[in-house]
Amino acid sequence: MSHDLGSQAFEGLGRLCVDAAENCIISASDPAGMERIEARFHGSAFDLHRHDTYAIGVTLHGVQTFRYRGATRHSLPGQIIVLHPDELHDGGAGTEDGLRYRMLYLEPSLMLDCLGGASLPFVREGVLTDDTFCATLLSALGPLEEELDELFVADFLARLMQSLARHAGQPAKPMARTAWRSATLARDYLTENFGRPVRSDELEAITGLDRYALSRHFRAAFCTSPHRFLVMRRLQSARRMIAAGEPLAQIAIAAGFSDQSHFIRQFKKAFGMTPGRWSSLIQGAAAAAA
């Protein structure tokens, strides 16, 4: 993944600081224990410092240069940076083109909750090339303007820990036999309640599994996460309402999405076109059949 990731997927938020300042940081609204930012810099950005969180991010544009664990590192677009708590590091742009990146800061306590008693993974390299890991990160770092759904966070952290453990050389923890009954209970509950926000503690109460174990077992059973399953049920409902000729703005709320832009993004991600385009095709087919 060597292409410049700053071109399309992130241009909406990026416009907020293009003209305002040469150097800027944009923060997202996030749940306790995690923070997401986008940063743009020319030249040196940070002096040597250290913090008590993990810092895991993706370089979007330019060359990210930093000193870390006794060596100078360089991260290119699409590469991943992993900085551990209490490790000295600095950072800045390695070329005159400037630097753009997104970073996720995670408190270790939040990470320990989904490790099942295993130790925190330590990735020595500092810079990684891993398309799967990058895609996992971008699923959370892409839509900074959106609040992260609780079910999404649980599945995201479970997948993030798997990637970190793999690069730390920790053997994968074998999963016990798939908890089919718990996964099915979760699936049925999500199906019945797709039109409203579903909290992780609700699923924990009905399945008897913690949110991270449930994410693993649900994915093993149904090849998707509880969050994605819920989104697809909402989209199925939306398509039925589109076929019935209901207004798109009303469909977004009725189907359980936070607003119309959220609905449009999720619809296009799932079906490859906007709901407006889908609606016009449905209406065209109905007119031709009349």
C-alpha atoms as a PDB file:
ATOM      1  CA  MET A   1       0.000   0.000   0.000  1.00  0.00           C
ATOM      2  CA  SER A   2       2.465   2.591  -1.205  1.00  0.00           C
ATOM      3  CA  HIS A   3       0.045   5.105  -2.729  1.00  0.00           C
ATOM      4  CA  ASP A   4      -0.711   8.495  -1.171  1.00  0.00           C
ATOM      5  CA  LEU A   5      -3.588   7.797   1.214  1.00  0.00           C
ATOM      6  CA  GLY A   6      -4.433  11.471   1.569  1.00  0.00           C
ATOM      7  CA  SER A   7      -6.147  11.820  -1.807  1.00  0.00           C
ATOM      8  CA  GLN A   8      -9.784  10.742  -1.499  1.00  0.00           C
ATOM      9  CA  ALA A   9     -10.651   8.829   1.649  1.00  0.00           C
ATOM     10  CA  PHE A  10      -9.580  11.707   3.876  1.00  0.00           C
ATOM     11  CA  GLU A  11     -10.061  14.842   1.810  1.00  0.00           C
ATOM     12  CA  GLY A  12     -13.283  15.938   3.501  1.00  0.00           C
ATOM     13  CA  LEU A  13     -11.727  16.482   6.907  1.00  0.00           C
ATOM     14  CA  GLY A  14      -8.419  17.606   5.463  1.00  0.00           C
ATOM     15  CA  ARG A  15     -10.008  20.683   3.917  1.00  0.00           C
ATOM     16  CA  LEU A  16     -10.569  22.042   7.409  1.00  0.00           C
ATOM     17  CA  CYS A  17      -6.931  22.980   7.785  1.00  0.00           C
ATOM     18  CA  VAL A  18      -5.547  23.351   4.264  1.00  0.00           C
ATOM     19  CA  ASP A  19      -5.941  27.106   4.164  1.00  0.00           C
ATOM     20  CA  ALA A  20      -6.122  27.807   7.886  1.00  0.00           C
ATOM     21  CA  ALA A  21      -2.538  26.936   8.797  1.00  0.00           C
ATOM     22  CA  GLU A  22       0.533  25.167   7.498  1.00  0.00           C
ATOM     23  CA  ASN A  23       0.650  23.089  10.681  1.00  0.00           C
ATOM     24  CA  CYS A  24      -2.470  21.873  12.438  1.00  0.00           C
ATOM     25  CA  ILE A  25      -4.033  19.104  14.506  1.00  0.00           C
ATOM     26  CA  ILE A  26      -7.688  18.025  14.362  1.00  0.00           C
ATOM     27  CA  SER A  27      -9.136  15.934  17.190  1.00  0.00           C
ATOM     28  CA  ALA A  28     -12.149  13.655  17.033  1.00  0.00           C
ATOM     29  CA  SER A  29     -14.839  13.127  19.650  1.00  0.00           C
ATOM     30  CA  ASP A  30     -14.029   9.755  21.193  1.00  0.00           C
ATOM     31  CA  PRO A  31     -14.985   7.455  24.081  1.00  0.00           C
ATOM     32  CA  ALA A  32     -12.921   7.374  27.252  1.00  0.00           C
ATOM     33  CA  GLY A  33      -9.540   5.696  26.895  1.00  0.00           C
ATOM     34  CA  MET A  34      -8.939   6.540  23.259  1.00  0.00           C
ATOM     35  CA  GLU A  35      -8.239   9.606  21.149  1.00  0.00           C
ATOM     36  CA  ARG A  36      -7.987  10.055  17.371  1.00  0.00           C
ATOM     37  CA  ILE A  37      -6.280  12.927  15.597  1.00  0.00           C
ATOM     38  CA  GLU A  38      -5.202  14.056  12.156  1.00  0.00           C
ATOM     39  CA  ALA A  39      -2.022  16.158  11.984  1.00  0.00           C
ATOM     40  CA  ARG A  40      -0.306  18.157   9.245  1.00  0.00           C
ATOM     41  CA  PHE A  41       3.194  19.505   9.636  1.00  0.00           C
ATOM     42  CA  HIS A  42       6.114  20.985   7.748  1.00  0.00           C
ATOM     43  CA  GLY A  43       9.533  20.586   9.305  1.00  0.00           C
ATOM     44  CA  SER A  44      10.003  19.517  12.917  1.00  0.00           C
ATOM     45  CA  ALA A  45       6.740  18.981  14.779  1.00  0.00           C
ATOM     46  CA  PHE A  46       7.488  17.537  18.221  1.00  0.00           C
ATOM     47  CA  ASP A  47      10.564  17.622  20.444  1.00  0.00           C
ATOM     48  CA  LEU A  48      11.526  14.490  22.377  1.00  0.00           C
ATOM     49  CA  HIS A  49       8.692  13.525  24.703  1.00  0.00           C
ATOM     50  CA  ARG A  50       6.852  10.500  26.049  1.00  0.00           C
ATOM     51  CA  HIS A  51       3.285   9.765  27.120  1.00  0.00           C
ATOM     52  CA  ASP A  52       1.455   7.024  28.964  1.00  0.00           C
ATOM     53  CA  THR A  53      -0.609   5.761  26.013  1.00  0.00           C
ATOM     54  CA  TYR A  54       0.067   3.661  22.965  1.00  0.00           C
ATOM     55  CA  ALA A  55       0.263   5.747  19.795  1.00  0.00           C
ATOM     56  CA  ILE A  56      -0.689   3.768  16.681  1.00  0.00           C
ATOM     57  CA  GLY A  57      -1.145   5.548  13.376  1.00  0.00           C
ATOM     58  CA  VAL A  58      -0.918   5.645   9.595  1.00  0.00           C
ATOM     59  CA  THR A  59       1.126   8.039   7.458  1.00  0.00           C
ATOM     60  CA  LEU A  60      -1.131   9.511   4.769  1.00  0.00           C
ATOM     61  CA  HIS A  61       1.195  11.839   2.858  1.00  0.00           C
ATOM     62  CA  GLY A  62       4.897  12.636   2.896  1.00  0.00           C
ATOM     63  CA  VAL A  63       7.620  11.051   5.001  1.00  0.00           C
ATOM     64  CA  GLN A  64       7.196  10.846   8.760  1.00  0.00           C
ATOM     65  CA  THR A  65      10.594  10.953  10.481  1.00  0.00           C
ATOM     66  CA  PHE A  66      11.137  10.356  14.174  1.00  0.00           C
ATOM     67  CA  ARG A  67      13.673   9.165  16.717  1.00  0.00           C
ATOM     68  CA  TYR A  68      12.543   6.129  18.679  1.00  0.00           C
ATOM     69  CA  ARG A  69      14.427   3.573  20.804  1.00  0.00           C
ATOM     70  CA  GLY A  70      17.869   4.756  19.751  1.00  0.00           C
ATOM     71  CA  ALA A  71      17.286   4.921  16.000  1.00  0.00           C
ATOM     72  CA  THR A  72      15.833   7.284  13.395  1.00  0.00           C
ATOM     73  CA  ARG A  73      12.748   5.850  11.732  1.00  0.00           C
ATOM     74  CA  HIS A  74      10.937   6.777   8.520  1.00  0.00           C
ATOM     75  CA  SER A  75       7.305   6.027   7.698  1.00  0.00           C
ATOM     76  CA  LEU A  76       5.917   6.333   4.148  1.00  0.00           C
ATOM     77  CA  PRO A  77       2.256   6.602   3.077  1.00  0.00           C
ATOM     78  CA  GLY A  78       0.409   3.434   4.019  1.00  0.00           C
ATOM     79  CA  GLN A  79       2.927   2.385   6.653  1.00  0.00           C
ATOM     80  CA  ILE A  80       1.974   1.972  10.312  1.00  0.00           C
ATOM     81  CA  ILE A  81       3.667   3.556  13.315  1.00  0.00           C
ATOM     82  CA  VAL A  82       3.511   1.835  16.701  1.00  0.00           C
ATOM     83  CA  LEU A  83       4.864   3.760  19.699  1.00  0.00           C
ATOM     84  CA  HIS A  84       4.720   2.218  23.156  1.00  0.00           C
ATOM     85  CA  PRO A  85       3.897   4.027  26.394  1.00  0.00           C
ATOM     86  CA  ASP A  86       6.743   5.821  28.174  1.00  0.00           C
ATOM     87  CA  GLU A  87       9.105   5.553  25.184  1.00  0.00           C
ATOM     88  CA  LEU A  88      10.928   8.744  24.173  1.00  0.00           C
ATOM     89  CA  HIS A  89      10.245   9.938  20.628  1.00  0.00           C
ATOM     90  CA  ASP A  90      10.019  13.072  18.537  1.00  0.00           C
ATOM     91  CA  GLY A  91       8.547  13.619  15.079  1.00  0.00           C
ATOM     92  CA  GLY A  92       8.219  15.720  11.982  1.00  0.00           C
ATOM     93  CA  ALA A  93       8.218  15.866   8.200  1.00  0.00           C
ATOM     94  CA  GLY A  94      11.179  14.218   6.513  1.00  0.00           C
ATOM     95  CA  THR A  95      10.859  16.173   3.250  1.00  0.00           C
ATOM     96  CA  GLU A  96       9.839  19.650   2.117  1.00  0.00           C
ATOM     97  CA  ASP A  97       6.532  18.236   0.871  1.00  0.00           C
ATOM     98  CA  GLY A  98       5.224  18.207   4.430  1.00  0.00           C
ATOM     99  CA  LEU A  99       3.548  15.472   6.401  1.00  0.00           C
ATOM    100  CA  ARG A 100       0.023  14.270   6.986  1.00  0.00           C
ATOM    101  CA  TYR A 101      -0.905  11.407   9.288  1.00  0.00           C
ATOM    102  CA  ARG A 102      -3.611  10.057  11.550  1.00  0.00           C
ATOM    103  CA  MET A 103      -2.941   8.658  14.984  1.00  0.00           C
ATOM    104  CA  LEU A 104      -4.856   6.665  17.564  1.00  0.00           C
ATOM    105  CA  TYR A 105      -3.905   7.022  21.240  1.00  0.00           C
ATOM    106  CA  LEU A 106      -4.996   4.137  23.460  1.00  0.00           C
ATOM    107  CA  GLU A 107      -4.729   3.814  27.215  1.00  0.00           C
ATOM    108  CA  PRO A 108      -3.114   0.456  28.130  1.00  0.00           C
ATOM    109  CA  SER A 109      -5.976  -0.327  30.527  1.00  0.00           C
ATOM    110  CA  LEU A 110      -8.414  -0.322  27.600  1.00  0.00           C
ATOM    111  CA  MET A 111      -6.191  -2.733  25.695  1.00  0.00           C
ATOM    112  CA  LEU A 112      -5.770  -5.092  28.644  1.00  0.00           C
ATOM    113  CA  ASP A 113      -9.527  -5.550  28.838  1.00  0.00           C
ATOM    114  CA  CYS A 114      -9.555  -7.463  25.548  1.00  0.00           C
ATOM    115  CA  LEU A 115      -6.346  -9.491  25.999  1.00  0.00           C
ATOM    116  CA  GLY A 116      -7.831 -12.076  28.340  1.00  0.00           C
ATOM    117  CA  GLY A 117      -4.951 -11.952  30.807  1.00  0.00           C
ATOM    118  CA  ALA A 118      -2.159 -11.908  28.196  1.00  0.00           C
ATOM    119  CA  SER A 119       0.605  -9.313  28.487  1.00  0.00           C
ATOM    120  CA  LEU A 120       0.577  -6.140  26.408  1.00  0.00           C
ATOM    121  CA  PRO A 121       2.266  -6.763  23.032  1.00  0.00           C
ATOM    122  CA  PHE A 122       5.570  -5.006  22.371  1.00  0.00           C
ATOM    123  CA  VAL A 123       6.351  -4.243  18.721  1.00  0.00           C
ATOM    124  CA  ARG A 124      10.054  -3.387  18.427  1.00  0.00           C
ATOM    125  CA  GLU A 125      10.240  -2.109  14.854  1.00  0.00           C
ATOM    126  CA  GLY A 126       8.278   1.116  15.313  1.00  0.00           C
ATOM    127  CA  VAL A 127       7.304   1.166  11.603  1.00  0.00           C
ATOM    128  CA  LEU A 128       5.370  -1.673   9.956  1.00  0.00           C
ATOM    129  CA  THR A 129       4.129  -2.540   6.472  1.00  0.00           C
ATOM    130  CA  ASP A 130       0.978  -4.625   6.746  1.00  0.00           C
ATOM    131  CA  ASP A 131      -2.049  -4.030   4.520  1.00  0.00           C
ATOM    132  CA  THR A 132      -4.442  -5.963   6.777  1.00  0.00           C
ATOM    133  CA  PHE A 133      -3.300  -4.096   9.880  1.00  0.00           C
ATOM    134  CA  CYS A 134      -3.539  -0.802   7.972  1.00  0.00           C
ATOM    135  CA  ALA A 135      -7.106  -1.552   6.870  1.00  0.00           C
ATOM    136  CA  THR A 136      -8.066  -2.291  10.471  1.00  0.00           C
ATOM    137  CA  LEU A 137      -6.623   1.037  11.604  1.00  0.00           C
ATOM    138  CA  LEU A 138      -8.253   2.999   8.807  1.00  0.00           C
ATOM    139  CA  SER A 139     -11.644   1.563   9.696  1.00  0.00           C
ATOM    140  CA  ALA A 140     -11.410   3.679  12.866  1.00  0.00           C
ATOM    141  CA  LEU A 141      -9.152   6.485  11.649  1.00  0.00           C
ATOM    142  CA  GLY A 142     -10.975   7.127   8.379  1.00  0.00           C
ATOM    143  CA  PRO A 143     -14.243   8.717   9.548  1.00  0.00           C
ATOM    144  CA  LEU A 144     -12.933  11.143  12.173  1.00  0.00           C
ATOM    145  CA  GLU A 145     -16.075  13.230  11.870  1.00  0.00           C
ATOM    146  CA  GLU A 146     -18.187  10.277  13.051  1.00  0.00           C
ATOM    147  CA  GLU A 147     -18.480   9.101  16.638  1.00  0.00           C
ATOM    148  CA  LEU A 148     -17.429   5.487  17.005  1.00  0.00           C
ATOM    149  CA  ASP A 149     -20.224   3.066  17.784  1.00  0.00           C
ATOM    150  CA  GLU A 150     -19.664   1.015  20.945  1.00  0.00           C
ATOM    151  CA  LEU A 151     -20.104  -2.300  19.128  1.00  0.00           C
ATOM    152  CA  PHE A 152     -17.609  -1.162  16.498  1.00  0.00           C
ATOM    153  CA  VAL A 153     -15.023  -0.244  19.156  1.00  0.00           C
ATOM    154  CA  ALA A 154     -15.209  -3.692  20.751  1.00  0.00           C
ATOM    155  CA  ASP A 155     -14.596  -5.488  17.446  1.00  0.00           C
ATOM    156  CA  PHE A 156     -11.960  -2.964  16.352  1.00  0.00           C
ATOM    157  CA  LEU A 157      -9.926  -3.399  19.538  1.00  0.00           C
ATOM    158  CA  ALA A 158     -10.123  -7.193  19.278  1.00  0.00           C
ATOM    159  CA  ARG A 159      -8.738  -7.080  15.709  1.00  0.00           C
ATOM    160  CA  LEU A 160      -6.160  -4.447  16.615  1.00  0.00           C
ATOM    161  CA  MET A 161      -4.808  -6.594  19.441  1.00  0.00           C
ATOM    162  CA  GLN A 162      -4.496  -9.569  17.085  1.00  0.00           C
ATOM    163  CA  SER A 163      -2.361  -7.506  14.697  1.00  0.00           C
ATOM    164  CA  LEU A 164      -0.179  -6.119  17.477  1.00  0.00           C
ATOM    165  CA  ALA A 165       0.335  -9.569  19.006  1.00  0.00           C
ATOM    166  CA  ARG A 166       1.305 -10.978  15.618  1.00  0.00           C
ATOM    167  CA  HIS A 167       3.959  -8.305  15.057  1.00  0.00           C
ATOM    168  CA  ALA A 168       5.161  -8.718  18.635  1.00  0.00           C
ATOM    169  CA  GLY A 169       5.816 -12.397  17.940  1.00  0.00           C
ATOM    170  CA  GLN A 170       3.242 -13.570  20.445  1.00  0.00           C
ATOM    171  CA  PRO A 171       1.607 -16.868  19.474  1.00  0.00           C
ATOM    172  CA  ALA A 172      -2.051 -16.607  18.560  1.00  0.00           C
ATOM    173  CA  LYS A 173      -4.276 -17.748  21.389  1.00  0.00           C
ATOM    174  CA  PRO A 174      -6.369 -20.668  20.137  1.00  0.00           C
ATOM    175  CA  MET A 175     -10.075 -20.024  20.396  1.00  0.00           C
ATOM    176  CA  ALA A 176     -12.210 -22.639  22.061  1.00  0.00           C
ATOM    177  CA  ARG A 177     -15.050 -24.226  20.154  1.00  0.00           C
ATOM    178  CA  THR A 178     -17.331 -21.567  18.684  1.00  0.00           C
ATOM    179  CA  ALA A 179     -20.004 -20.496  21.159  1.00  0.00           C
ATOM    180  CA  TRP A 180     -22.845 -20.975  18.715  1.00  0.00           C
ATOM    181  CA  ARG A 181     -25.654 -20.459  21.224  1.00  0.00           C
ATOM    182  CA  SER A 182     -24.222 -17.149  22.449  1.00  0.00           C
ATOM    183  CA  ALA A 183     -23.540 -15.963  18.899  1.00  0.00           C
ATOM    184  CA  THR A 184     -27.071 -16.872  17.846  1.00  0.00           C
ATOM    185  CA  LEU A 185     -28.589 -15.091  20.837  1.00  0.00           C
ATOM    186  CA  ALA A 186     -26.611 -11.974  19.902  1.00  0.00           C
ATOM    187  CA  ARG A 187     -27.651 -12.243  16.250  1.00  0.00           C
ATOM    188  CA  ASP A 188     -31.350 -12.564  17.140  1.00  0.00           C
ATOM    189  CA  TYR A 189     -31.162  -9.650  19.577  1.00  0.00           C
ATOM    190  CA  LEU A 190     -29.471  -7.428  16.994  1.00  0.00           C
ATOM    191  CA  THR A 191     -32.074  -8.370  14.387  1.00  0.00           C
ATOM    192  CA  GLU A 192     -34.907  -7.465  16.744  1.00  0.00           C
ATOM    193  CA  ASN A 193     -33.349  -4.167  17.812  1.00  0.00           C
ATOM    194  CA  PHE A 194     -31.595  -2.904  14.671  1.00  0.00           C
ATOM    195  CA  GLY A 195     -33.474   0.399  14.648  1.00  0.00           C
ATOM    196  CA  ARG A 196     -31.859   1.724  17.832  1.00  0.00           C
ATOM    197  CA  PRO A 197     -28.350   1.906  19.311  1.00  0.00           C
ATOM    198  CA  VAL A 198     -27.415  -1.431  20.932  1.00  0.00           C
ATOM    199  CA  ARG A 199     -24.854  -1.321  23.721  1.00  0.00           C
ATOM    200  CA  SER A 200     -22.183  -3.923  24.339  1.00  0.00           C
ATOM    201  CA  ASP A 201     -23.364  -4.512  27.902  1.00  0.00           C
ATOM    202  CA  GLU A 202     -26.779  -5.558  26.537  1.00  0.00           C
ATOM    203  CA  LEU A 203     -25.158  -8.281  24.446  1.00  0.00           C
ATOM    204  CA  GLU A 204     -22.916  -9.308  27.336  1.00  0.00           C
ATOM    205  CA  ALA A 205     -26.003  -9.750  29.531  1.00  0.00           C
ATOM    206  CA  ILE A 206     -27.880 -11.985  27.093  1.00  0.00           C
ATOM    207  CA  THR A 207     -24.901 -14.049  25.844  1.00  0.00           C
ATOM    208  CA  GLY A 208     -22.778 -14.459  28.980  1.00  0.00           C
ATOM    209  CA  LEU A 209     -19.646 -13.477  27.022  1.00  0.00           C
ATOM    210  CA  ASP A 210     -17.601 -10.329  27.418  1.00  0.00           C
ATOM    211  CA  ARG A 211     -17.679  -7.981  24.421  1.00  0.00           C
ATOM    212  CA  TYR A 212     -14.290  -9.047  23.051  1.00  0.00           C
ATOM    213  CA  ALA A 213     -14.965 -12.779  23.308  1.00  0.00           C
ATOM    214  CA  LEU A 214     -18.373 -12.213  21.731  1.00  0.00           C
ATOM    215  CA  SER A 215     -16.759 -10.349  18.844  1.00  0.00           C
ATOM    216  CA  ARG A 216     -14.427 -13.313  18.184  1.00  0.00           C
ATOM    217  CA  HIS A 217     -17.161 -15.954  18.451  1.00  0.00           C
ATOM    218  CA  PHE A 218     -19.678 -13.934  16.425  1.00  0.00           C
ATOM    219  CA  ARG A 219     -17.138 -13.465  13.636  1.00  0.00           C
ATOM    220  CA  ALA A 220     -16.297 -17.194  13.705  1.00  0.00           C
ATOM    221  CA  ALA A 221     -19.982 -18.078  13.474  1.00  0.00           C
ATOM    222  CA  PHE A 222     -21.243 -15.513  10.959  1.00  0.00           C
ATOM    223  CA  CYS A 223     -18.095 -14.165   9.214  1.00  0.00           C
ATOM    224  CA  THR A 224     -18.783 -10.615  10.355  1.00  0.00           C
ATOM    225  CA  SER A 225     -18.800  -8.519  13.516  1.00  0.00           C
ATOM    226  CA  PRO A 226     -21.865  -7.702  15.642  1.00  0.00           C
ATOM    227  CA  HIS A 227     -21.511  -4.055  14.600  1.00  0.00           C
ATOM    228  CA  ARG A 228     -21.398  -4.839  10.880  1.00  0.00           C
ATOM    229  CA  PHE A 229     -24.308  -7.268  11.222  1.00  0.00           C
ATOM    230  CA  LEU A 230     -26.380  -4.511  12.850  1.00  0.00           C
ATOM    231  CA  VAL A 231     -25.475  -2.000  10.112  1.00  0.00           C
ATOM    232  CA  MET A 232     -26.486  -4.463   7.387  1.00  0.00           C
ATOM    233  CA  ARG A 233     -29.871  -5.064   9.032  1.00  0.00           C
ATOM    234  CA  ARG A 234     -30.411  -1.293   8.986  1.00  0.00           C
ATOM    235  CA  LEU A 235     -29.432  -1.132   5.333  1.00  0.00           C
ATOM    236  CA  GLN A 236     -31.780  -3.981   4.447  1.00  0.00           C
ATOM    237  CA  SER A 237     -34.602  -2.096   6.121  1.00  0.00           C
ATOM    238  CA  ALA A 238     -33.592   1.066   4.250  1.00  0.00           C
ATOM    239  CA  ARG A 239     -33.722  -0.730   0.899  1.00  0.00           C
ATOM    240  CA  ARG A 240     -37.245  -1.938   1.643  1.00  0.00           C
ATOM    241  CA  MET A 241     -38.291   1.644   2.432  1.00  0.00           C
ATOM    242  CA  ILE A 242     -36.612   2.910  -0.750  1.00  0.00           C
ATOM    243  CA  ALA A 243     -38.589   0.359  -2.774  1.00  0.00           C
ATOM    244  CA  ALA A 244     -41.749   1.632  -1.080  1.00  0.00           C
ATOM    245  CA  GLY A 245     -40.941   5.151  -2.272  1.00  0.00           C
ATOM    246  CA  GLU A 246     -40.298   6.768   1.102  1.00  0.00           C
ATOM    247  CA  PRO A 247     -38.118   9.947   1.230  1.00  0.00           C
ATOM    248  CA  LEU A 248     -34.415   9.279   1.782  1.00  0.00           C
ATOM    249  CA  ALA A 249     -34.100  11.816   4.612  1.00  0.00           C
ATOM    250  CA  GLN A 250     -36.832  10.028   6.563  1.00  0.00           C
ATOM    251  CA  ILE A 251     -35.406   6.603   5.751  1.00  0.00           C
ATOM    252  CA  ALA A 252     -32.040   7.479   7.318  1.00  0.00           C
ATOM    253  CA  ILE A 253     -33.553   8.100  10.750  1.00  0.00           C
ATOM    254  CA  ALA A 254     -36.201   5.369  10.510  1.00  0.00           C
ATOM    255  CA  ALA A 255     -33.527   2.778   9.691  1.00  0.00           C
ATOM    256  CA  GLY A 256     -31.439   3.717  12.730  1.00  0.00           C
ATOM    257  CA  PHE A 257     -28.687   5.919  11.260  1.00  0.00           C
ATOM    258  CA  SER A 258     -27.540   9.043  13.068  1.00  0.00           C
ATOM    259  CA  ASP A 259     -28.151  11.290  10.045  1.00  0.00           C
ATOM    260  CA  GLN A 260     -28.448  11.209   6.260  1.00  0.00           C
ATOM    261  CA  SER A 261     -24.716  11.583   5.588  1.00  0.00           C
ATOM    262  CA  HIS A 262     -23.997   8.596   7.823  1.00  0.00           C
ATOM    263  CA  PHE A 263     -26.666   6.624   5.975  1.00  0.00           C
ATOM    264  CA  ILE A 264     -25.214   7.562   2.569  1.00  0.00           C
ATOM    265  CA  ARG A 265     -21.662   6.568   3.554  1.00  0.00           C
ATOM    266  CA  GLN A 266     -22.732   3.197   4.926  1.00  0.00           C
ATOM    267  CA  PHE A 267     -25.006   2.465   1.969  1.00  0.00           C
ATOM    268  CA  LYS A 268     -22.291   3.209  -0.570  1.00  0.00           C
ATOM    269  CA  LYS A 269     -19.759   1.192   1.407  1.00  0.00           C
ATOM    270  CA  ALA A 270     -22.089  -1.820   1.383  1.00  0.00           C
ATOM    271  CA  PHE A 271     -23.613  -1.608  -2.118  1.00  0.00           C
ATOM    272  CA  GLY A 272     -21.199   0.456  -4.207  1.00  0.00           C
ATOM    273  CA  MET A 273     -23.607   3.301  -4.967  1.00  0.00           C
ATOM    274  CA  THR A 274     -25.503   6.009  -3.113  1.00  0.00           C
ATOM    275  CA  PRO A 275     -29.062   5.403  -1.903  1.00  0.00           C
ATOM    276  CA  GLY A 276     -30.182   8.149  -4.318  1.00  0.00           C
ATOM    277  CA  ARG A 277     -28.762   6.198  -7.247  1.00  0.00           C
ATOM    278  CA  TRP A 278     -30.322   2.979  -5.919  1.00  0.00           C
ATOM    279  CA  SER A 279     -33.681   4.733  -5.614  1.00  0.00           C
ATOM    280  CA  SER A 280     -33.551   6.008  -9.199  1.00  0.00           C
ATOM    281  CA  LEU A 281     -32.781   2.508 -10.495  1.00  0.00           C
ATOM    282  CA  ILE A 282     -35.624   1.003  -8.479  1.00  0.00           C
ATOM    283  CA  GLN A 283     -38.067   3.637  -9.723  1.00  0.00           C
ATOM    284  CA  GLY A 284     -36.839   3.198 -13.298  1.00  0.00           C
ATOM    285  CA  ALA A 285     -37.447  -0.541 -13.149  1.00  0.00           C
ATOM    286  CA  ALA A 286     -40.925   0.007 -11.679  1.00  0.00           C
ATOM    287  CA  ALA A 287     -41.805   2.526 -14.430  1.00  0.00           C
ATOM    288  CA  ALA A 288     -40.621   0.155 -17.158  1.00  0.00           C
ATOM    289  CA  ALA A 289     -42.741  -2.649 -15.758  1.00  0.00           C
ATOM    290  CA  ALA A 290     -45.878  -0.483 -15.540  1.00  0.00           C
END
